[in-house]
Amino acid sequence: MGTRIRVRVEFEEYEVSSESVTAPSKEEDGSFVVELPESLEFDIDACEQALLSANYPALREGISQHLERVSKKNSSAQAGGARPKR
């Protein structure tokens, strides 16, 4: 059985008292976050750009980790003389 890949995007709305972070930052749980100031809450382009800028590093990191695991698994299988499943 192969590995399934699941991509999840979550949009949260909450009040903050600090300065907004407009560049993606990585959270302790591994997610990436972009916070927009209240002045941009009605700006669809700013909201869309924030979503895209947070998704890109998250997807890159997820794909990278997946490929690293698959590569190690494949190397172990080849070292043991077994052929990798396709």
N, C-alpha and C. Protein backbone atom coordinates (compact mmCIF):
# COMPACT_ATOMS: atom_id res chain seq x y z
N MET A 1 0.85 -1.18 0.00
CA MET A 1 0.00 0.00 0.00
C MET A 1 0.90 1.24 0.00
N GLY A 2 0.56 2.20 -0.81
CA GLY A 2 1.34 3.42 -0.90
C GLY A 2 0.96 4.45 0.14
N THR A 3 1.76 5.48 0.20
CA THR A 3 1.52 6.58 1.14
C THR A 3 0.56 7.58 0.52
N ARG A 4 -0.38 8.03 1.30
CA ARG A 4 -1.29 9.09 0.85
C ARG A 4 -0.74 10.43 1.27
N ILE A 5 -0.99 11.41 0.46
CA ILE A 5 -0.57 12.77 0.78
C ILE A 5 -1.83 13.60 0.97
N ARG A 6 -1.89 14.32 2.07
CA ARG A 6 -3.04 15.15 2.37
C ARG A 6 -2.57 16.59 2.51
N VAL A 7 -3.24 17.50 1.82
CA VAL A 7 -2.94 18.92 1.92
C VAL A 7 -4.12 19.59 2.59
N ARG A 8 -3.86 20.34 3.65
CA ARG A 8 -4.92 21.01 4.38
C ARG A 8 -4.60 22.49 4.48
N VAL A 9 -5.58 23.33 4.17
CA VAL A 9 -5.44 24.77 4.28
C VAL A 9 -6.48 25.24 5.29
N GLU A 10 -6.06 26.05 6.22
CA GLU A 10 -6.97 26.53 7.25
C GLU A 10 -6.92 28.06 7.30
N PHE A 11 -8.08 28.67 7.34
CA PHE A 11 -8.19 30.12 7.41
C PHE A 11 -8.77 30.47 8.76
N GLU A 12 -8.04 31.26 9.55
CA GLU A 12 -8.52 31.66 10.87
C GLU A 12 -8.68 33.17 10.91
N GLU A 13 -9.69 33.58 11.63
CA GLU A 13 -9.90 35.01 11.84
C GLU A 13 -9.96 35.24 13.35
N TYR A 14 -9.11 36.12 13.84
CA TYR A 14 -9.10 36.41 15.26
C TYR A 14 -8.51 37.79 15.49
N GLU A 15 -8.78 38.34 16.64
CA GLU A 15 -8.29 39.67 16.99
C GLU A 15 -6.89 39.55 17.58
N VAL A 16 -6.02 40.44 17.18
CA VAL A 16 -4.67 40.47 17.72
C VAL A 16 -4.38 41.87 18.26
N SER A 17 -3.52 41.92 19.23
CA SER A 17 -3.18 43.21 19.81
C SER A 17 -1.80 43.68 19.36
N SER A 18 -1.08 42.81 18.68
CA SER A 18 0.28 43.15 18.26
C SER A 18 0.33 43.53 16.79
N GLU A 19 1.50 43.91 16.36
CA GLU A 19 1.76 44.26 14.96
C GLU A 19 1.53 43.03 14.07
N SER A 20 0.99 43.24 12.90
CA SER A 20 0.76 42.14 11.96
C SER A 20 2.07 41.67 11.33
N VAL A 21 2.11 40.39 10.99
CA VAL A 21 3.27 39.80 10.33
C VAL A 21 2.85 39.54 8.89
N THR A 22 3.41 40.28 7.95
CA THR A 22 2.98 40.13 6.56
C THR A 22 3.84 39.16 5.77
N ALA A 23 4.95 38.70 6.34
CA ALA A 23 5.78 37.68 5.69
C ALA A 23 5.49 36.35 6.40
N PRO A 24 5.52 35.25 5.67
CA PRO A 24 5.24 33.96 6.30
C PRO A 24 6.22 33.66 7.43
N SER A 25 5.70 33.18 8.55
CA SER A 25 6.55 32.76 9.65
C SER A 25 6.12 31.36 10.07
N LYS A 26 7.08 30.55 10.48
CA LYS A 26 6.80 29.16 10.84
C LYS A 26 6.44 29.09 12.31
N GLU A 27 5.35 28.40 12.60
CA GLU A 27 4.88 28.21 13.96
C GLU A 27 5.51 26.95 14.56
N GLU A 28 5.36 26.79 15.87
CA GLU A 28 5.91 25.62 16.56
C GLU A 28 5.33 24.30 16.05
N ASP A 29 4.07 24.33 15.58
CA ASP A 29 3.43 23.11 15.09
C ASP A 29 3.80 22.78 13.65
N GLY A 30 4.66 23.60 13.03
CA GLY A 30 5.10 23.35 11.66
C GLY A 30 4.29 24.09 10.60
N SER A 31 3.22 24.75 11.02
CA SER A 31 2.42 25.50 10.05
C SER A 31 3.07 26.86 9.76
N PHE A 32 2.66 27.46 8.67
CA PHE A 32 3.15 28.78 8.30
C PHE A 32 2.01 29.78 8.42
N VAL A 33 2.31 30.97 8.93
CA VAL A 33 1.29 31.95 9.23
C VAL A 33 1.64 33.30 8.64
N VAL A 34 0.62 33.98 8.12
CA VAL A 34 0.73 35.38 7.70
C VAL A 34 -0.45 36.10 8.36
N GLU A 35 -0.19 37.17 9.04
CA GLU A 35 -1.24 37.97 9.66
C GLU A 35 -1.34 39.30 8.94
N LEU A 36 -2.55 39.68 8.64
CA LEU A 36 -2.77 40.95 7.94
C LEU A 36 -3.33 41.98 8.90
N PRO A 37 -2.97 43.23 8.71
CA PRO A 37 -3.54 44.29 9.54
C PRO A 37 -5.01 44.48 9.23
N GLU A 38 -5.72 45.04 10.18
CA GLU A 38 -7.16 45.26 10.03
C GLU A 38 -7.47 46.11 8.80
N SER A 39 -6.57 46.99 8.44
CA SER A 39 -6.80 47.87 7.29
C SER A 39 -6.93 47.11 5.97
N LEU A 40 -6.48 45.84 5.94
CA LEU A 40 -6.54 45.04 4.71
C LEU A 40 -7.63 43.98 4.74
N GLU A 41 -8.49 43.99 5.75
CA GLU A 41 -9.47 42.91 5.85
C GLU A 41 -10.49 42.89 4.72
N PHE A 42 -10.69 44.00 4.04
CA PHE A 42 -11.63 44.03 2.91
C PHE A 42 -10.91 43.99 1.56
N ASP A 43 -9.60 43.82 1.58
CA ASP A 43 -8.80 43.81 0.35
C ASP A 43 -8.61 42.36 -0.11
N ILE A 44 -9.41 41.94 -1.09
CA ILE A 44 -9.37 40.55 -1.56
C ILE A 44 -7.99 40.19 -2.10
N ASP A 45 -7.33 41.12 -2.77
CA ASP A 45 -6.00 40.83 -3.31
C ASP A 45 -4.98 40.61 -2.20
N ALA A 46 -5.05 41.39 -1.14
CA ALA A 46 -4.12 41.23 -0.01
C ALA A 46 -4.38 39.90 0.69
N CYS A 47 -5.65 39.55 0.87
CA CYS A 47 -5.99 38.27 1.50
C CYS A 47 -5.52 37.10 0.65
N GLU A 48 -5.73 37.19 -0.64
CA GLU A 48 -5.30 36.13 -1.55
C GLU A 48 -3.78 36.00 -1.54
N GLN A 49 -3.08 37.12 -1.57
CA GLN A 49 -1.62 37.08 -1.57
C GLN A 49 -1.09 36.49 -0.26
N ALA A 50 -1.74 36.81 0.84
CA ALA A 50 -1.33 36.25 2.14
C ALA A 50 -1.49 34.73 2.12
N LEU A 51 -2.61 34.26 1.59
CA LEU A 51 -2.85 32.82 1.49
C LEU A 51 -1.77 32.14 0.64
N LEU A 52 -1.49 32.72 -0.50
CA LEU A 52 -0.49 32.14 -1.40
C LEU A 52 0.91 32.17 -0.78
N SER A 53 1.24 33.26 -0.11
CA SER A 53 2.59 33.37 0.45
C SER A 53 2.78 32.42 1.64
N ALA A 54 1.72 32.07 2.35
CA ALA A 54 1.83 31.10 3.44
C ALA A 54 1.83 29.67 2.91
N ASN A 55 1.07 29.43 1.85
CA ASN A 55 0.99 28.08 1.29
C ASN A 55 2.29 27.63 0.65
N TYR A 56 2.97 28.53 -0.03
CA TYR A 56 4.16 28.13 -0.78
C TYR A 56 5.22 27.47 0.11
N PRO A 57 5.68 28.14 1.19
CA PRO A 57 6.70 27.47 2.02
C PRO A 57 6.18 26.21 2.70
N ALA A 58 4.90 26.20 3.05
CA ALA A 58 4.33 25.01 3.70
C ALA A 58 4.34 23.83 2.74
N LEU A 59 3.91 24.05 1.50
CA LEU A 59 3.91 22.97 0.51
C LEU A 59 5.32 22.52 0.16
N ARG A 60 6.23 23.47 -0.01
CA ARG A 60 7.62 23.12 -0.32
C ARG A 60 8.23 22.25 0.77
N GLU A 61 8.00 22.63 2.02
CA GLU A 61 8.56 21.87 3.13
C GLU A 61 7.92 20.48 3.22
N GLY A 62 6.60 20.42 3.05
CA GLY A 62 5.91 19.13 3.09
C GLY A 62 6.37 18.19 1.99
N ILE A 63 6.49 18.70 0.79
CA ILE A 63 6.95 17.88 -0.34
C ILE A 63 8.40 17.45 -0.13
N SER A 64 9.21 18.35 0.37
CA SER A 64 10.61 18.02 0.64
C SER A 64 10.73 16.90 1.66
N GLN A 65 9.97 16.99 2.75
CA GLN A 65 10.01 15.95 3.78
C GLN A 65 9.50 14.61 3.22
N HIS A 66 8.46 14.67 2.42
CA HIS A 66 7.92 13.45 1.80
C HIS A 66 8.97 12.80 0.90
N LEU A 67 9.58 13.59 0.04
CA LEU A 67 10.58 13.04 -0.89
C LEU A 67 11.79 12.49 -0.15
N GLU A 68 12.16 13.13 0.96
CA GLU A 68 13.27 12.63 1.76
C GLU A 68 12.94 11.26 2.36
N ARG A 69 11.72 11.12 2.90
CA ARG A 69 11.29 9.83 3.46
C ARG A 69 11.25 8.75 2.38
N VAL A 70 10.68 9.08 1.22
CA VAL A 70 10.57 8.12 0.14
C VAL A 70 11.95 7.71 -0.36
N SER A 71 12.85 8.67 -0.45
CA SER A 71 14.21 8.39 -0.91
C SER A 71 14.93 7.45 0.05
N LYS A 72 14.80 7.72 1.36
CA LYS A 72 15.43 6.85 2.36
C LYS A 72 14.84 5.45 2.31
N LYS A 73 13.51 5.38 2.16
CA LYS A 73 12.83 4.09 2.08
C LYS A 73 13.30 3.32 0.86
N ASN A 74 13.43 4.01 -0.26
CA ASN A 74 13.86 3.41 -1.51
C ASN A 74 15.32 2.94 -1.40
N SER A 75 16.17 3.76 -0.78
CA SER A 75 17.58 3.38 -0.60
C SER A 75 17.71 2.15 0.28
N SER A 76 16.91 2.09 1.35
CA SER A 76 16.94 0.92 2.24
C SER A 76 16.50 -0.33 1.51
N ALA A 77 15.46 -0.20 0.69
CA ALA A 77 14.96 -1.35 -0.06
C ALA A 77 16.00 -1.84 -1.06
N GLN A 78 16.68 -0.91 -1.72
CA GLN A 78 17.69 -1.30 -2.70
C GLN A 78 18.91 -1.91 -2.02
N ALA A 79 19.29 -1.39 -0.86
CA ALA A 79 20.43 -1.92 -0.13
C ALA A 79 20.17 -3.36 0.33
N GLY A 80 18.91 -3.64 0.62
CA GLY A 80 18.53 -4.97 1.08
C GLY A 80 18.30 -5.94 -0.07
N GLY A 81 18.45 -5.48 -1.29
CA GLY A 81 18.26 -6.34 -2.44
C GLY A 81 16.83 -6.40 -2.95
N ALA A 82 15.94 -5.73 -2.26
CA ALA A 82 14.54 -5.73 -2.70
C ALA A 82 14.34 -4.66 -3.75
N ARG A 83 13.43 -4.92 -4.64
CA ARG A 83 13.09 -3.93 -5.66
C ARG A 83 12.00 -3.02 -5.11
N PRO A 84 12.11 -1.69 -5.34
CA PRO A 84 11.07 -0.78 -4.89
C PRO A 84 9.76 -1.02 -5.63
N LYS A 85 8.65 -0.87 -4.92
CA LYS A 85 7.33 -1.02 -5.55
C LYS A 85 7.03 0.19 -6.39
N ARG A 86 6.32 -0.04 -7.48
CA ARG A 86 5.92 1.07 -8.37
C ARG A 86 4.45 1.17 -8.43
